[in-house]
Amino acid sequence: MNDAPLPPTDGRPEVFYDGGCGLCRREIHHYQRLDREGRVHWLDIHADPGVLERIGVDWETAMQRMHARDASGRVVTGARVFVLIWSHLPGYRWLARGVRIVPGVLPLMELGYKGFARWRGRRRGVCPV
């Protein structure tokens, strides 16, 4: 995967999530309930691994870090995905703005995300990587 943007989306960000992981599924379903206007295109890679072709990422890579594509086509991963999601949801936009403007918050979130991803990867039978 390179840093060049892919062709733009339909105007909504695309979020690629693991619907086979109970914890991941619960969190995404929370966000989906808030997304009453369909501002985010939610793509379950567990149900349809072929959607990963949209971003040129293989299954193993996608299972190690959450991926999304912003409306301009740029792929983002890890904690940045949550900021992208929050920026499109009522009740969370203020949080996305805060993360963007307060120095050091995003790097701290990324550290937390990396720790979670390592823990998730070790959980056998629940969230296989």
C-alpha atoms as a PDB file:
ATOM      1  CA  MET A   1       0.000   0.000   0.000  1.00  0.00           C
ATOM      2  CA  ASN A   2       1.363   3.408  -0.906  1.00  0.00           C
ATOM      3  CA  ASP A   3       0.404   6.880   0.294  1.00  0.00           C
ATOM      4  CA  ALA A   4      -1.112   7.988  -2.992  1.00  0.00           C
ATOM      5  CA  PRO A   5      -4.869   8.411  -2.717  1.00  0.00           C
ATOM      6  CA  LEU A   6      -7.109   5.910  -4.436  1.00  0.00           C
ATOM      7  CA  PRO A   7     -10.017   7.148  -6.536  1.00  0.00           C
ATOM      8  CA  PRO A   8     -12.495   9.095  -4.405  1.00  0.00           C
ATOM      9  CA  THR A   9     -15.347   7.312  -2.673  1.00  0.00           C
ATOM     10  CA  ASP A  10     -19.011   8.191  -3.141  1.00  0.00           C
ATOM     11  CA  GLY A  11     -18.425  11.122  -0.783  1.00  0.00           C
ATOM     12  CA  ARG A  12     -18.552   9.044   2.396  1.00  0.00           C
ATOM     13  CA  PRO A  13     -15.603   7.521   4.204  1.00  0.00           C
ATOM     14  CA  GLU A  14     -15.344   3.740   4.009  1.00  0.00           C
ATOM     15  CA  VAL A  15     -14.583   1.925   7.254  1.00  0.00           C
ATOM     16  CA  PHE A  16     -13.300  -1.655   7.042  1.00  0.00           C
ATOM     17  CA  TYR A  17     -13.975  -3.567  10.253  1.00  0.00           C
ATOM     18  CA  ASP A  18     -13.815  -7.145  11.521  1.00  0.00           C
ATOM     19  CA  GLY A  19     -17.395  -8.241  12.076  1.00  0.00           C
ATOM     20  CA  GLY A  20     -16.057 -11.607  13.281  1.00  0.00           C
ATOM     21  CA  CYS A  21     -14.615 -10.043  16.440  1.00  0.00           C
ATOM     22  CA  GLY A  22     -17.294  -9.576  19.093  1.00  0.00           C
ATOM     23  CA  LEU A  23     -15.627  -6.558  20.668  1.00  0.00           C
ATOM     24  CA  CYS A  24     -15.002  -4.853  17.315  1.00  0.00           C
ATOM     25  CA  ARG A  25     -18.536  -5.657  16.143  1.00  0.00           C
ATOM     26  CA  ARG A  26     -20.115  -4.154  19.289  1.00  0.00           C
ATOM     27  CA  GLU A  27     -18.153  -0.928  18.949  1.00  0.00           C
ATOM     28  CA  ILE A  28     -18.942  -0.544  15.252  1.00  0.00           C
ATOM     29  CA  HIS A  29     -22.627  -1.331  15.843  1.00  0.00           C
ATOM     30  CA  HIS A  30     -22.671   1.487  18.408  1.00  0.00           C
ATOM     31  CA  TYR A  31     -21.356   3.862  15.751  1.00  0.00           C
ATOM     32  CA  GLN A  32     -23.737   2.476  13.106  1.00  0.00           C
ATOM     33  CA  ARG A  33     -26.746   3.188  15.356  1.00  0.00           C
ATOM     34  CA  LEU A  34     -25.604   6.817  15.580  1.00  0.00           C
ATOM     35  CA  ASP A  35     -25.076   7.012  11.810  1.00  0.00           C
ATOM     36  CA  ARG A  36     -28.764   7.465  11.009  1.00  0.00           C
ATOM     37  CA  GLU A  37     -27.986   9.576   7.951  1.00  0.00           C
ATOM     38  CA  GLY A  38     -25.605   7.028   6.414  1.00  0.00           C
ATOM     39  CA  ARG A  39     -22.581   9.333   6.499  1.00  0.00           C
ATOM     40  CA  VAL A  40     -20.166   6.379   6.720  1.00  0.00           C
ATOM     41  CA  HIS A  41     -19.976   3.319   4.470  1.00  0.00           C
ATOM     42  CA  TRP A  42     -19.407   0.374   6.839  1.00  0.00           C
ATOM     43  CA  LEU A  43     -17.665  -2.644   5.293  1.00  0.00           C
ATOM     44  CA  ASP A  44     -17.433  -5.905   7.239  1.00  0.00           C
ATOM     45  CA  ILE A  45     -14.256  -7.656   6.074  1.00  0.00           C
ATOM     46  CA  HIS A  46     -15.231 -10.819   7.926  1.00  0.00           C
ATOM     47  CA  ALA A  47     -18.475 -11.146   5.964  1.00  0.00           C
ATOM     48  CA  ASP A  48     -16.903 -10.060   2.660  1.00  0.00           C
ATOM     49  CA  PRO A  49     -13.083 -10.169   2.548  1.00  0.00           C
ATOM     50  CA  GLY A  50     -13.227  -9.094  -1.107  1.00  0.00           C
ATOM     51  CA  VAL A  51     -13.981  -5.498  -0.100  1.00  0.00           C
ATOM     52  CA  LEU A  52     -10.322  -5.176   0.880  1.00  0.00           C
ATOM     53  CA  GLU A  53      -9.507  -4.988  -2.834  1.00  0.00           C
ATOM     54  CA  ARG A  54     -10.852  -1.422  -2.718  1.00  0.00           C
ATOM     55  CA  ILE A  55      -7.799  -0.377  -0.720  1.00  0.00           C
ATOM     56  CA  GLY A  56      -5.240  -2.936  -1.926  1.00  0.00           C
ATOM     57  CA  VAL A  57      -4.782  -4.527   1.511  1.00  0.00           C
ATOM     58  CA  ASP A  58      -4.525  -8.246   2.165  1.00  0.00           C
ATOM     59  CA  TRP A  59      -6.463 -10.079   4.901  1.00  0.00           C
ATOM     60  CA  GLU A  60      -3.519 -10.428   7.310  1.00  0.00           C
ATOM     61  CA  THR A  61      -2.682  -6.727   7.127  1.00  0.00           C
ATOM     62  CA  ALA A  62      -6.325  -5.749   7.592  1.00  0.00           C
ATOM     63  CA  MET A  63      -6.607  -7.980  10.650  1.00  0.00           C
ATOM     64  CA  GLN A  64      -3.596  -6.329  12.289  1.00  0.00           C
ATOM     65  CA  ARG A  65      -4.859  -2.724  12.032  1.00  0.00           C
ATOM     66  CA  MET A  66      -8.200  -1.152  11.321  1.00  0.00           C
ATOM     67  CA  HIS A  67      -8.357   0.554   7.929  1.00  0.00           C
ATOM     68  CA  ALA A  68     -10.551   3.228   6.383  1.00  0.00           C
ATOM     69  CA  ARG A  69     -10.608   5.367   3.308  1.00  0.00           C
ATOM     70  CA  ASP A  70     -11.568   9.005   3.564  1.00  0.00           C
ATOM     71  CA  ALA A  71     -13.849  10.668   1.028  1.00  0.00           C
ATOM     72  CA  SER A  72     -10.878  11.794  -1.069  1.00  0.00           C
ATOM     73  CA  GLY A  73      -9.604   8.197  -1.342  1.00  0.00           C
ATOM     74  CA  ARG A  74      -6.712   8.361   1.132  1.00  0.00           C
ATOM     75  CA  VAL A  75      -6.271   5.245   3.304  1.00  0.00           C
ATOM     76  CA  VAL A  76      -5.900   5.782   7.047  1.00  0.00           C
ATOM     77  CA  THR A  77      -5.230   3.190   9.752  1.00  0.00           C
ATOM     78  CA  GLY A  78      -5.256   2.703  13.499  1.00  0.00           C
ATOM     79  CA  ALA A  79      -6.374   5.536  15.761  1.00  0.00           C
ATOM     80  CA  ARG A  80      -6.872   7.869  12.786  1.00  0.00           C
ATOM     81  CA  VAL A  81      -9.784   5.661  11.711  1.00  0.00           C
ATOM     82  CA  PHE A  82     -11.625   6.497  14.926  1.00  0.00           C
ATOM     83  CA  VAL A  83     -11.048  10.214  14.437  1.00  0.00           C
ATOM     84  CA  LEU A  84     -12.421   9.845  10.895  1.00  0.00           C
ATOM     85  CA  ILE A  85     -15.495   7.986  12.191  1.00  0.00           C
ATOM     86  CA  TRP A  86     -16.079  10.468  15.013  1.00  0.00           C
ATOM     87  CA  SER A  87     -15.887  13.426  12.628  1.00  0.00           C
ATOM     88  CA  HIS A  88     -18.985  12.090  10.829  1.00  0.00           C
ATOM     89  CA  LEU A  89     -21.154  11.139  13.825  1.00  0.00           C
ATOM     90  CA  PRO A  90     -23.419  13.269  15.986  1.00  0.00           C
ATOM     91  CA  GLY A  91     -22.214  13.384  19.554  1.00  0.00           C
ATOM     92  CA  TYR A  92     -18.621  12.622  18.559  1.00  0.00           C
ATOM     93  CA  ARG A  93     -17.679  15.506  16.241  1.00  0.00           C
ATOM     94  CA  TRP A  94     -16.435  17.562  19.195  1.00  0.00           C
ATOM     95  CA  LEU A  95     -14.131  14.696  20.157  1.00  0.00           C
ATOM     96  CA  ALA A  96     -12.694  14.470  16.639  1.00  0.00           C
ATOM     97  CA  ARG A  97     -12.052  18.224  16.652  1.00  0.00           C
ATOM     98  CA  GLY A  98     -10.382  18.012  20.052  1.00  0.00           C
ATOM     99  CA  VAL A  99      -8.076  15.205  18.964  1.00  0.00           C
ATOM    100  CA  ARG A 100      -7.075  17.198  15.898  1.00  0.00           C
ATOM    101  CA  ILE A 101      -6.299  20.444  17.710  1.00  0.00           C
ATOM    102  CA  VAL A 102      -4.806  19.306  21.024  1.00  0.00           C
ATOM    103  CA  PRO A 103      -1.136  18.454  20.495  1.00  0.00           C
ATOM    104  CA  GLY A 104      -0.102  14.951  21.506  1.00  0.00           C
ATOM    105  CA  VAL A 105      -3.564  13.389  21.760  1.00  0.00           C
ATOM    106  CA  LEU A 106      -3.440  11.455  18.479  1.00  0.00           C
ATOM    107  CA  PRO A 107       0.001   9.942  19.206  1.00  0.00           C
ATOM    108  CA  LEU A 108      -1.278   8.818  22.629  1.00  0.00           C
ATOM    109  CA  MET A 109      -4.360   7.315  21.024  1.00  0.00           C
ATOM    110  CA  GLU A 110      -2.136   5.515  18.536  1.00  0.00           C
ATOM    111  CA  LEU A 111      -0.070   4.009  21.360  1.00  0.00           C
ATOM    112  CA  GLY A 112      -3.254   2.773  23.007  1.00  0.00           C
ATOM    113  CA  TYR A 113      -4.517   1.422  19.711  1.00  0.00           C
ATOM    114  CA  LYS A 114      -1.271  -0.484  19.081  1.00  0.00           C
ATOM    115  CA  GLY A 115      -1.510  -2.061  22.534  1.00  0.00           C
ATOM    116  CA  PHE A 116      -5.107  -3.093  21.897  1.00  0.00           C
ATOM    117  CA  ALA A 117      -4.209  -4.504  18.466  1.00  0.00           C
ATOM    118  CA  ARG A 118      -1.432  -6.635  19.978  1.00  0.00           C
ATOM    119  CA  TRP A 119      -3.788  -7.912  22.697  1.00  0.00           C
ATOM    120  CA  ARG A 120      -6.504  -8.615  20.121  1.00  0.00           C
ATOM    121  CA  GLY A 121      -4.037 -10.538  17.973  1.00  0.00           C
ATOM    122  CA  ARG A 122      -3.215 -12.848  20.877  1.00  0.00           C
ATOM    123  CA  ARG A 123      -6.836 -13.801  21.564  1.00  0.00           C
ATOM    124  CA  ARG A 124      -7.129 -17.214  19.945  1.00  0.00           C
ATOM    125  CA  GLY A 125     -10.480 -18.257  18.542  1.00  0.00           C
ATOM    126  CA  VAL A 126     -12.119 -14.885  19.058  1.00  0.00           C
ATOM    127  CA  CYS A 127     -10.255 -12.469  16.807  1.00  0.00           C
ATOM    128  CA  PRO A 128      -7.885 -14.619  14.752  1.00  0.00           C
ATOM    129  CA  VAL A 129      -5.140 -12.754  12.941  1.00  0.00           C
END
